[in-house]
C-alpha atoms as a PDB file:
ATOM      1  CA  MET A   1      45.238  75.648 104.840  1.00  0.00           C
ATOM      2  CA  ASP A   2      43.984  77.857 102.006  1.00  0.00           C
ATOM      3  CA  ARG A   3      43.005  77.024  98.493  1.00  0.00           C
ATOM      4  CA  LEU A   4      46.320  77.651  97.119  1.00  0.00           C
ATOM      5  CA  ASP A   5      48.326  75.576  99.720  1.00  0.00           C
ATOM      6  CA  ALA A   6      46.223  72.687  99.115  1.00  0.00           C
ATOM      7  CA  MET A   7      46.588  73.009  95.185  1.00  0.00           C
ATOM      8  CA  GLN A   8      50.227  72.787  95.508  1.00  0.00           C
ATOM      9  CA  MET A   9      50.208  70.408  98.079  1.00  0.00           C
ATOM     10  CA  PHE A  10      48.310  68.582  95.710  1.00  0.00           C
ATOM     11  CA  VAL A  11      50.295  68.874  92.808  1.00  0.00           C
ATOM     12  CA  ARG A  12      53.583  68.435  94.770  1.00  0.00           C
ATOM     13  CA  VAL A  13      51.660  64.771  95.754  1.00  0.00           C
ATOM     14  CA  ALA A  14      50.555  64.019  92.131  1.00  0.00           C
ATOM     15  CA  GLU A  15      54.133  64.509  91.211  1.00  0.00           C
ATOM     16  CA  ALA A  16      55.626  63.001  93.270  1.00  0.00           C
ATOM     17  CA  GLY A  17      53.578  59.666  92.989  1.00  0.00           C
ATOM     18  CA  SER A  18      54.152  59.314  96.866  1.00  0.00           C
ATOM     19  CA  PHE A  19      52.257  60.682 100.259  1.00  0.00           C
ATOM     20  CA  SER A  20      55.581  59.652 101.900  1.00  0.00           C
ATOM     21  CA  ALA A  21      58.469  61.308  99.279  1.00  0.00           C
ATOM     22  CA  VAL A  22      56.414  64.540  99.804  1.00  0.00           C
ATOM     23  CA  ALA A  23      56.289  64.231 103.474  1.00  0.00           C
ATOM     24  CA  HIS A  24      59.857  63.598 103.877  1.00  0.00           C
ATOM     25  CA  ALA A  25      60.673  66.707 101.656  1.00  0.00           C
ATOM     26  CA  LEU A  26      58.360  69.135 103.260  1.00  0.00           C
ATOM     27  CA  GLN A  27      59.375  67.665 107.090  1.00  0.00           C
ATOM     28  CA  LEU A  28      55.881  66.584 107.646  1.00  0.00           C
ATOM     29  CA  ALA A  29      54.224  63.526 109.152  1.00  0.00           C
ATOM     30  CA  ARG A  30      52.423  61.500 106.392  1.00  0.00           C
ATOM     31  CA  SER A  31      49.524  61.947 107.928  1.00  0.00           C
ATOM     32  CA  VAL A  32      49.041  65.943 107.875  1.00  0.00           C
ATOM     33  CA  VAL A  33      49.926  65.238 103.719  1.00  0.00           C
ATOM     34  CA  THR A  34      47.313  62.421 103.450  1.00  0.00           C
ATOM     35  CA  ARG A  35      44.531  64.410 105.609  1.00  0.00           C
ATOM     36  CA  GLN A  36      45.149  67.305 103.777  1.00  0.00           C
ATOM     37  CA  ILE A  37      44.748  65.935 100.238  1.00  0.00           C
ATOM     38  CA  ALA A  38      41.243  63.949 101.985  1.00  0.00           C
ATOM     39  CA  SER A  39      40.073  67.735 102.754  1.00  0.00           C
ATOM     40  CA  LEU A  40      40.973  68.867  99.165  1.00  0.00           C
ATOM     41  CA  GLU A  41      39.028  66.285  97.935  1.00  0.00           C
ATOM     42  CA  LYS A  42      36.152  66.733 100.069  1.00  0.00           C
ATOM     43  CA  HIS A  43      35.924  70.193  99.455  1.00  0.00           C
ATOM     44  CA  LEU A  44      35.468  69.880  95.819  1.00  0.00           C
ATOM     45  CA  GLY A  45      33.312  66.693  95.975  1.00  0.00           C
ATOM     46  CA  VAL A  46      35.355  64.526  93.455  1.00  0.00           C
ATOM     47  CA  GLN A  47      38.439  61.443  94.265  1.00  0.00           C
ATOM     48  CA  LEU A  48      41.508  63.286  93.003  1.00  0.00           C
ATOM     49  CA  ILE A  49      43.458  60.120  93.636  1.00  0.00           C
ATOM     50  CA  THR A  50      43.232  56.580  94.017  1.00  0.00           C
ATOM     51  CA  ARG A  51      44.815  54.838  97.026  1.00  0.00           C
ATOM     52  CA  SER A  52      46.576  51.432  96.878  1.00  0.00           C
ATOM     53  CA  THR A  53      49.042  49.908  98.940  1.00  0.00           C
ATOM     54  CA  ARG A  54      51.688  50.286  96.483  1.00  0.00           C
ATOM     55  CA  SER A  55      50.561  53.543  94.168  1.00  0.00           C
ATOM     56  CA  LEU A  56      48.802  56.501  94.021  1.00  0.00           C
ATOM     57  CA  THR A  57      47.205  57.115  90.470  1.00  0.00           C
ATOM     58  CA  LEU A  58      45.656  60.201  89.498  1.00  0.00           C
ATOM     59  CA  THR A  59      41.380  59.500  88.823  1.00  0.00           C
ATOM     60  CA  GLU A  60      40.075  62.053  85.285  1.00  0.00           C
ATOM     61  CA  ALA A  61      39.202  64.599  87.586  1.00  0.00           C
ATOM     62  CA  GLY A  62      42.355  64.325  89.496  1.00  0.00           C
ATOM     63  CA  THR A  63      44.375  64.650  85.877  1.00  0.00           C
ATOM     64  CA  ASN A  64      42.242  67.373  84.874  1.00  0.00           C
ATOM     65  CA  TYR A  65      42.578  69.344  87.987  1.00  0.00           C
ATOM     66  CA  LEU A  66      46.177  68.892  88.163  1.00  0.00           C
ATOM     67  CA  GLU A  67      46.455  70.843  84.746  1.00  0.00           C
ATOM     68  CA  ASN A  68      44.318  73.922  86.237  1.00  0.00           C
ATOM     69  CA  CYS A  69      46.190  73.792  88.757  1.00  0.00           C
ATOM     70  CA  ARG A  70      49.835  74.179  87.466  1.00  0.00           C
ATOM     71  CA  ALA A  71      48.540  76.633  85.043  1.00  0.00           C
ATOM     72  CA  ILE A  72      46.305  78.821  88.083  1.00  0.00           C
ATOM     73  CA  LEU A  73      49.708  78.484  90.395  1.00  0.00           C
ATOM     74  CA  ASN A  74      52.077  80.067  87.255  1.00  0.00           C
ATOM     75  CA  LEU A  75      49.538  82.818  86.868  1.00  0.00           C
ATOM     76  CA  VAL A  76      50.010  83.771  90.619  1.00  0.00           C
ATOM     77  CA  ASP A  77      53.295  83.283  90.013  1.00  0.00           C
ATOM     78  CA  THR A  78      53.912  85.525  87.402  1.00  0.00           C
ATOM     79  CA  ALA A  79      51.584  88.195  89.154  1.00  0.00           C
ATOM     80  CA  GLU A  80      53.458  88.184  92.196  1.00  0.00           C
ATOM     81  CA  SER A  81      56.677  88.400  90.067  1.00  0.00           C
ATOM     82  CA  ASN A  82      55.612  91.027  88.348  1.00  0.00           C
ATOM     83  CA  LEU A  83      54.713  93.132  91.921  1.00  0.00           C
ATOM     84  CA  SER A  84      58.036  92.123  93.096  1.00  0.00           C
ATOM     85  CA  GLY A  85      60.267  94.234  91.376  1.00  0.00           C
ATOM     86  CA  GLU A  86      63.828  92.967  91.324  1.00  0.00           C
ATOM     87  CA  GLY A  87      62.739  89.992  93.483  1.00  0.00           C
ATOM     88  CA  LEU A  88      63.542  91.082  96.650  1.00  0.00           C
ATOM     89  CA  ALA A  89      59.912  90.348  97.659  1.00  0.00           C
ATOM     90  CA  ALA A  90      60.535  86.774  96.826  1.00  0.00           C
ATOM     91  CA  LYS A  91      59.774  84.280  99.559  1.00  0.00           C
ATOM     92  CA  GLY A  92      59.614  80.585 100.530  1.00  0.00           C
ATOM     93  CA  ARG A  93      62.064  76.975  99.778  1.00  0.00           C
ATOM     94  CA  ILE A  94      64.804  75.822  97.285  1.00  0.00           C
ATOM     95  CA  ARG A  95      65.848  72.441  97.290  1.00  0.00           C
ATOM     96  CA  ILE A  96      68.827  72.345  95.061  1.00  0.00           C
ATOM     97  CA  GLY A  97      70.803  69.177  93.949  1.00  0.00           C
ATOM     98  CA  LEU A  98      74.426  69.944  93.208  1.00  0.00           C
ATOM     99  CA  PRO A  99      77.009  67.790  91.714  1.00  0.00           C
ATOM    100  CA  LEU A 100      79.683  67.498  94.842  1.00  0.00           C
ATOM    101  CA  LEU A 101      83.058  68.801  93.868  1.00  0.00           C
ATOM    102  CA  PHE A 102      81.963  71.177  91.297  1.00  0.00           C
ATOM    103  CA  GLY A 103      79.217  72.477  93.996  1.00  0.00           C
ATOM    104  CA  MET A 104      81.037  72.933  96.311  1.00  0.00           C
ATOM    105  CA  LYS A 105      83.553  74.913  94.247  1.00  0.00           C
ATOM    106  CA  GLU A 106      81.597  76.999  92.383  1.00  0.00           C
ATOM    107  CA  ILE A 107      77.880  76.747  92.828  1.00  0.00           C
ATOM    108  CA  VAL A 108      78.538  76.987  96.867  1.00  0.00           C
ATOM    109  CA  PRO A 109      79.880  80.518  96.329  1.00  0.00           C
ATOM    110  CA  LEU A 110      77.020  81.962  94.315  1.00  0.00           C
ATOM    111  CA  LEU A 111      74.204  80.431  96.027  1.00  0.00           C
ATOM    112  CA  LEU A 112      75.675  82.089  98.739  1.00  0.00           C
ATOM    113  CA  SER A 113      75.898  85.066  97.023  1.00  0.00           C
ATOM    114  CA  PHE A 114      71.902  85.314  96.416  1.00  0.00           C
ATOM    115  CA  ALA A 115      71.075  83.894  99.795  1.00  0.00           C
ATOM    116  CA  ARG A 116      72.591  87.053 100.570  1.00  0.00           C
ATOM    117  CA  ARG A 117      70.773  89.147  98.070  1.00  0.00           C
ATOM    118  CA  THR A 118      66.973  86.856  98.729  1.00  0.00           C
ATOM    119  CA  PRO A 119      66.569  86.759 102.975  1.00  0.00           C
ATOM    120  CA  ASP A 120      63.666  85.661 102.470  1.00  0.00           C
ATOM    121  CA  ILE A 121      63.928  82.381 100.840  1.00  0.00           C
ATOM    122  CA  ASP A 122      65.787  79.417 102.544  1.00  0.00           C
ATOM    123  CA  LEU A 123      68.361  77.500 100.990  1.00  0.00           C
ATOM    124  CA  VAL A 124      68.243  73.374 101.187  1.00  0.00           C
ATOM    125  CA  MET A 125      71.315  71.839  99.444  1.00  0.00           C
ATOM    126  CA  THR A 126      71.926  68.199  98.832  1.00  0.00           C
ATOM    127  CA  LEU A 127      75.696  67.524  97.510  1.00  0.00           C
ATOM    128  CA  SER A 128      75.902  64.054  95.869  1.00  0.00           C
ATOM    129  CA  ASP A 129      77.391  62.597  92.252  1.00  0.00           C
ATOM    130  CA  GLU A 130      74.598  60.547  91.954  1.00  0.00           C
ATOM    131  CA  ARG A 131      72.121  61.501  89.508  1.00  0.00           C
ATOM    132  CA  SER A 132      69.187  63.074  91.442  1.00  0.00           C
ATOM    133  CA  ASN A 133      65.443  61.856  90.750  1.00  0.00           C
ATOM    134  CA  LEU A 134      64.217  65.303  91.364  1.00  0.00           C
ATOM    135  CA  ILE A 135      60.169  64.459  91.964  1.00  0.00           C
ATOM    136  CA  GLU A 136      61.210  61.778  94.187  1.00  0.00           C
ATOM    137  CA  GLU A 137      63.807  63.602  96.005  1.00  0.00           C
ATOM    138  CA  GLY A 138      61.932  66.422  96.360  1.00  0.00           C
ATOM    139  CA  LEU A 139      63.856  68.901  94.422  1.00  0.00           C
ATOM    140  CA  ASP A 140      63.267  72.179  92.609  1.00  0.00           C
ATOM    141  CA  LEU A 141      66.384  72.164  90.659  1.00  0.00           C
ATOM    142  CA  SER A 142      69.193  70.473  90.118  1.00  0.00           C
ATOM    143  CA  ILE A 143      72.797  71.139  88.645  1.00  0.00           C
ATOM    144  CA  ARG A 144      74.234  68.783  85.907  1.00  0.00           C
ATOM    145  CA  ILE A 145      77.127  68.201  84.206  1.00  0.00           C
ATOM    146  CA  THR A 146      76.130  65.735  81.512  1.00  0.00           C
ATOM    147  CA  SER A 147      76.792  65.181  77.386  1.00  0.00           C
ATOM    148  CA  ASN A 148      73.477  62.625  78.201  1.00  0.00           C
ATOM    149  CA  LEU A 149      70.034  64.646  78.956  1.00  0.00           C
ATOM    150  CA  ASN A 150      66.739  63.141  79.312  1.00  0.00           C
ATOM    151  CA  PRO A 151      64.237  63.851  76.433  1.00  0.00           C
ATOM    152  CA  SER A 152      61.710  64.520  79.209  1.00  0.00           C
ATOM    153  CA  ASP A 153      64.112  67.337  80.852  1.00  0.00           C
ATOM    154  CA  ILE A 154      63.530  70.732  81.284  1.00  0.00           C
ATOM    155  CA  VAL A 155      66.803  72.313  81.167  1.00  0.00           C
ATOM    156  CA  ARG A 156      68.421  75.850  80.673  1.00  0.00           C
ATOM    157  CA  LYS A 157      72.353  75.583  80.008  1.00  0.00           C
ATOM    158  CA  LEU A 158      74.696  77.483  82.107  1.00  0.00           C
ATOM    159  CA  GLY A 159      78.318  76.689  80.133  1.00  0.00           C
ATOM    160  CA  GLN A 160      80.192  73.834  79.196  1.00  0.00           C
ATOM    161  CA  CYS A 161      83.517  71.879  80.766  1.00  0.00           C
ATOM    162  CA  ARG A 162      86.145  69.975  78.911  1.00  0.00           C
ATOM    163  CA  LEU A 163      87.199  66.182  79.690  1.00  0.00           C
ATOM    164  CA  LEU A 164      90.815  65.642  80.123  1.00  0.00           C
ATOM    165  CA  THR A 165      93.093  62.803  79.476  1.00  0.00           C
ATOM    166  CA  LEU A 166      96.023  63.910  82.704  1.00  0.00           C
ATOM    167  CA  ALA A 167      99.651  62.153  83.562  1.00  0.00           C
ATOM    168  CA  SER A 168     102.697  62.864  85.211  1.00  0.00           C
ATOM    169  CA  THR A 169     105.817  63.887  82.836  1.00  0.00           C
ATOM    170  CA  ALA A 170     106.806  60.551  85.431  1.00  0.00           C
ATOM    171  CA  TYR A 171     104.770  58.005  84.568  1.00  0.00           C
ATOM    172  CA  MET A 172     105.061  58.752  80.790  1.00  0.00           C
ATOM    173  CA  LYS A 173     109.305  58.495  81.382  1.00  0.00           C
ATOM    174  CA  ALA A 174     108.633  55.398  82.676  1.00  0.00           C
ATOM    175  CA  HIS A 175     105.708  54.058  80.599  1.00  0.00           C
ATOM    176  CA  GLY A 176     105.596  55.997  77.644  1.00  0.00           C
ATOM    177  CA  ARG A 177     103.277  58.177  76.053  1.00  0.00           C
ATOM    178  CA  PRO A 178     100.038  57.587  74.683  1.00  0.00           C
ATOM    179  CA  GLU A 179      99.590  59.117  71.255  1.00  0.00           C
ATOM    180  CA  ARG A 180      96.401  57.948  70.282  1.00  0.00           C
ATOM    181  CA  PRO A 181      93.345  56.847  72.243  1.00  0.00           C
ATOM    182  CA  GLN A 182      93.590  53.119  71.401  1.00  0.00           C
ATOM    183  CA  ASP A 183      97.690  53.021  73.087  1.00  0.00           C
ATOM    184  CA  LEU A 184      95.361  53.473  76.546  1.00  0.00           C
ATOM    185  CA  ARG A 185      94.626  49.629  76.682  1.00  0.00           C
ATOM    186  CA  HIS A 186      98.241  49.381  77.206  1.00  0.00           C
ATOM    187  CA  HIS A 187      98.375  51.365  80.347  1.00  0.00           C
ATOM    188  CA  GLU A 188      97.857  51.732  83.937  1.00  0.00           C
ATOM    189  CA  CYS A 189      94.191  53.970  83.693  1.00  0.00           C
ATOM    190  CA  LEU A 190      92.719  55.583  86.680  1.00  0.00           C
ATOM    191  CA  ILE A 191      88.774  55.183  86.858  1.00  0.00           C
ATOM    192  CA  TYR A 192      86.117  56.759  88.337  1.00  0.00           C
ATOM    193  CA  SER A 193      83.928  54.340  90.181  1.00  0.00           C
ATOM    194  CA  HIS A 194      80.879  54.919  88.276  1.00  0.00           C
ATOM    195  CA  ASP A 195      82.009  53.274  85.129  1.00  0.00           C
ATOM    196  CA  ALA A 196      84.444  50.692  86.674  1.00  0.00           C
ATOM    197  CA  SER A 197      82.557  47.552  86.048  1.00  0.00           C
ATOM    198  CA  ASN A 198      82.738  47.972  82.146  1.00  0.00           C
ATOM    199  CA  SER A 199      85.207  50.986  81.813  1.00  0.00           C
ATOM    200  CA  GLN A 200      85.241  52.442  78.358  1.00  0.00           C
ATOM    201  CA  TRP A 201      86.777  56.113  77.477  1.00  0.00           C
ATOM    202  CA  ILE A 202      85.124  58.066  74.635  1.00  0.00           C
ATOM    203  CA  TYR A 203      86.991  60.423  72.337  1.00  0.00           C
ATOM    204  CA  GLN A 204      86.505  62.175  68.917  1.00  0.00           C
ATOM    205  CA  ASN A 205      88.458  61.710  65.722  1.00  0.00           C
ATOM    206  CA  LYS A 206      86.902  63.837  62.794  1.00  0.00           C
ATOM    207  CA  LYS A 207      83.698  63.599  64.186  1.00  0.00           C
ATOM    208  CA  GLN A 208      83.789  59.880  64.725  1.00  0.00           C
ATOM    209  CA  LEU A 209      83.559  58.724  68.092  1.00  0.00           C
ATOM    210  CA  LEU A 210      86.517  56.023  69.947  1.00  0.00           C
ATOM    211  CA  GLN A 211      85.404  53.736  72.470  1.00  0.00           C
ATOM    212  CA  VAL A 212      88.182  52.811  74.227  1.00  0.00           C
ATOM    213  CA  PRO A 213      88.515  49.958  76.925  1.00  0.00           C
ATOM    214  CA  VAL A 214      90.464  50.668  80.080  1.00  0.00           C
ATOM    215  CA  ARG A 215      91.648  48.779  82.693  1.00  0.00           C
ATOM    216  CA  GLY A 216      93.295  49.998  86.281  1.00  0.00           C
ATOM    217  CA  ARG A 217      93.853  48.956  89.614  1.00  0.00           C
ATOM    218  CA  ILE A 218      92.926  51.762  91.381  1.00  0.00           C
ATOM    219  CA  VAL A 219      89.542  53.011  91.814  1.00  0.00           C
ATOM    220  CA  ALA A 220      87.739  56.080  93.570  1.00  0.00           C
ATOM    221  CA  ASN A 221      84.563  57.962  93.128  1.00  0.00           C
ATOM    222  CA  ASN A 222      86.386  60.611  93.500  1.00  0.00           C
ATOM    223  CA  GLY A 223      87.861  63.189  90.932  1.00  0.00           C
ATOM    224  CA  ILE A 224      90.881  65.253  92.713  1.00  0.00           C
ATOM    225  CA  ALA A 225      91.859  61.653  94.470  1.00  0.00           C
ATOM    226  CA  LEU A 226      92.076  59.712  90.981  1.00  0.00           C
ATOM    227  CA  THR A 227      94.015  63.218  90.348  1.00  0.00           C
ATOM    228  CA  GLU A 228      96.013  63.043  93.079  1.00  0.00           C
ATOM    229  CA  ALA A 229      97.172  60.017  92.037  1.00  0.00           C
ATOM    230  CA  ALA A 230      97.940  60.629  88.404  1.00  0.00           C
ATOM    231  CA  ALA A 231     100.204  63.200  89.770  1.00  0.00           C
ATOM    232  CA  ASN A 232     102.107  61.016  91.982  1.00  0.00           C
ATOM    233  CA  GLY A 233     103.060  58.881  88.736  1.00  0.00           C
ATOM    234  CA  MET A 234     100.320  56.128  89.179  1.00  0.00           C
ATOM    235  CA  GLY A 235      98.719  56.230  86.051  1.00  0.00           C
ATOM    236  CA  VAL A 236      96.442  58.088  83.365  1.00  0.00           C
ATOM    237  CA  THR A 237      93.425  59.322  84.576  1.00  0.00           C
ATOM    238  CA  ARG A 238      90.257  61.455  82.843  1.00  0.00           C
ATOM    239  CA  GLN A 239      88.199  64.756  84.379  1.00  0.00           C
ATOM    240  CA  PRO A 240      86.634  67.618  84.198  1.00  0.00           C
ATOM    241  CA  ASP A 241      88.804  70.777  83.445  1.00  0.00           C
ATOM    242  CA  PHE A 242      87.554  71.965  86.757  1.00  0.00           C
ATOM    243  CA  ILE A 243      89.301  69.626  88.663  1.00  0.00           C
ATOM    244  CA  ALA A 244      92.772  69.598  86.232  1.00  0.00           C
ATOM    245  CA  ALA A 245      93.168  73.252  86.637  1.00  0.00           C
ATOM    246  CA  PRO A 246      95.175  73.837  90.126  1.00  0.00           C
ATOM    247  CA  TYR A 247      97.191  70.369  88.740  1.00  0.00           C
ATOM    248  CA  LEU A 248      97.790  71.667  85.659  1.00  0.00           C
ATOM    249  CA  GLU A 249      98.735  75.548  86.677  1.00  0.00           C
ATOM    250  CA  LYS A 250     100.985  73.549  88.515  1.00  0.00           C
ATOM    251  CA  LYS A 251     102.350  71.409  86.432  1.00  0.00           C
ATOM    252  CA  ARG A 252     101.833  68.368  88.376  1.00  0.00           C
ATOM    253  CA  VAL A 253     100.528  66.520  85.294  1.00  0.00           C
ATOM    254  CA  GLU A 254      99.808  67.326  81.616  1.00  0.00           C
ATOM    255  CA  ALA A 255      97.222  67.083  79.350  1.00  0.00           C
ATOM    256  CA  ILE A 256      97.701  64.679  76.582  1.00  0.00           C
ATOM    257  CA  LEU A 257      95.368  63.044  73.932  1.00  0.00           C
ATOM    258  CA  LYS A 258      94.273  66.473  73.114  1.00  0.00           C
ATOM    259  CA  ALA A 259      93.515  66.571  69.851  1.00  0.00           C
ATOM    260  CA  TYR A 260      91.112  63.263  70.618  1.00  0.00           C
ATOM    261  CA  GLU A 261      88.895  65.178  73.579  1.00  0.00           C
ATOM    262  CA  PRO A 262      85.074  64.600  72.541  1.00  0.00           C
ATOM    263  CA  GLU A 263      82.596  67.666  72.463  1.00  0.00           C
ATOM    264  CA  PRO A 264      82.520  69.201  76.143  1.00  0.00           C
ATOM    265  CA  LEU A 265      80.150  68.573  78.630  1.00  0.00           C
ATOM    266  CA  GLY A 266      76.694  70.834  79.657  1.00  0.00           C
ATOM    267  CA  ILE A 267      75.965  72.548  82.501  1.00  0.00           C
ATOM    268  CA  TYR A 268      72.138  73.016  83.023  1.00  0.00           C
ATOM    269  CA  ALA A 269      70.380  73.682  85.210  1.00  0.00           C
ATOM    270  CA  VAL A 270      67.594  70.683  85.602  1.00  0.00           C
ATOM    271  CA  LEU A 271      64.310  71.140  86.457  1.00  0.00           C
ATOM    272  CA  PRO A 272      61.430  68.588  87.322  1.00  0.00           C
ATOM    273  CA  SER A 273      59.296  67.609  84.199  1.00  0.00           C
ATOM    274  CA  ASN A 274      55.577  68.669  84.122  1.00  0.00           C
ATOM    275  CA  ARG A 275      55.994  71.068  87.067  1.00  0.00           C
ATOM    276  CA  TYR A 276      55.233  74.734  87.543  1.00  0.00           C
ATOM    277  CA  ILE A 277      58.247  76.943  88.000  1.00  0.00           C
ATOM    278  CA  PRO A 278      58.227  79.100  90.965  1.00  0.00           C
ATOM    279  CA  HIS A 279      59.299  82.293  90.821  1.00  0.00           C
ATOM    280  CA  ARG A 280      62.108  82.316  92.991  1.00  0.00           C
ATOM    281  CA  VAL A 281      63.506  79.086  91.480  1.00  0.00           C
ATOM    282  CA  ARG A 282      63.977  81.603  88.133  1.00  0.00           C
ATOM    283  CA  LEU A 283      65.040  83.743  90.078  1.00  0.00           C
ATOM    284  CA  LEU A 284      67.701  81.447  91.131  1.00  0.00           C
ATOM    285  CA  ILE A 285      68.572  80.186  87.613  1.00  0.00           C
ATOM    286  CA  ASP A 286      68.837  83.886  86.529  1.00  0.00           C
ATOM    287  CA  HIS A 287      71.318  84.685  89.264  1.00  0.00           C
ATOM    288  CA  LEU A 288      73.938  81.934  88.603  1.00  0.00           C
ATOM    289  CA  ALA A 289      73.773  82.329  84.506  1.00  0.00           C
ATOM    290  CA  SER A 290      74.378  86.147  84.878  1.00  0.00           C
ATOM    291  CA  ALA A 291      77.298  85.128  88.037  1.00  0.00           C
ATOM    292  CA  MET A 292      78.778  82.092  85.466  1.00  0.00           C
ATOM    293  CA  LEU A 293      78.776  84.756  82.588  1.00  0.00           C
ATOM    294  CA  ALA A 294      79.827  87.689  84.341  1.00  0.00           C
ATOM    295  CA  ASN A 295      82.910  85.736  86.215  1.00  0.00           C
ATOM    296  CA  PRO A 296      84.704  83.109  83.557  1.00  0.00           C
ATOM    297  CA  ALA A 297      87.996  83.295  85.524  1.00  0.00           C
ATOM    298  CA  LYS A 298      85.708  81.745  88.760  1.00  0.00           C
ATOM    299  CA  VAL A 299      84.424  79.524  86.536  1.00  0.00           C
ATOM    300  CA  PRO A 300      86.829  77.724  84.294  1.00  0.00           C
ATOM    301  CA  PHE A 301      84.422  76.709  81.391  1.00  0.00           C
ATOM    302  CA  LYS A 302      83.219  78.498  78.275  1.00  0.00           C
ATOM    303  CA  THR A 303      79.421  79.486  78.821  1.00  0.00           C
ATOM    304  CA  THR A 304      77.260  79.197  75.210  1.00  0.00           C
END
């Protein structure tokens, strides 16, 4: 393993806080990772990591070396990117986490077009609606739809989407039309499972937030399933516009309580904190941002 590879391996282990996590992400045996770090320490003549049965801790030398490695790797990456023209020489692997439905519908086609343009870059996609821990899962990038970013998150905003309240005409004929968010307390609500234990839907009235408790018999961890239930007159649901769009176009549901919509959710490219950003990852983020701005018809939200 050459010097730069050793630095990259050390940075991965330091950021993940685990040999096993890095080994899993790189599809290597754990013993290979530990041997490479031990070999690096022997070469440098200092201990970089204090090992215990439960955790890894950087020594003072390890902390200093980590910052220097990040700086050096950034310089190398910048130097290579300046020679690579439009990025055709970019190479390596990008591990990216995607939300399930939005990822399948909107992001995967953009990733495939990126893959065609960059034949030396491997893409590994993980699709899940669970909030990912980028460092623990060995991800280089995650696409996240949220109004609640962590202060430490390194992000680039790609766009935004609206959160719509939906019900069918048949349901409202039978049960009445909710005119205010508070009216939902008396309606059958179709709830995303992440919110099921203590469900509250948040609205906005003249900059004032309204938290409305909701209840319902039907709970799911899939927005299409809940919107389908709403279209069949089973209740009221709340979904992002990229899920609602085809149902609204076919008039299977109607958007209600539009005067009380909260601020749009942001759509972000999220990067691991305190980590250098490889040129190939910057290329991918630029591609996503450019494609989403250039093709508003394909991405049903306003970009900023």
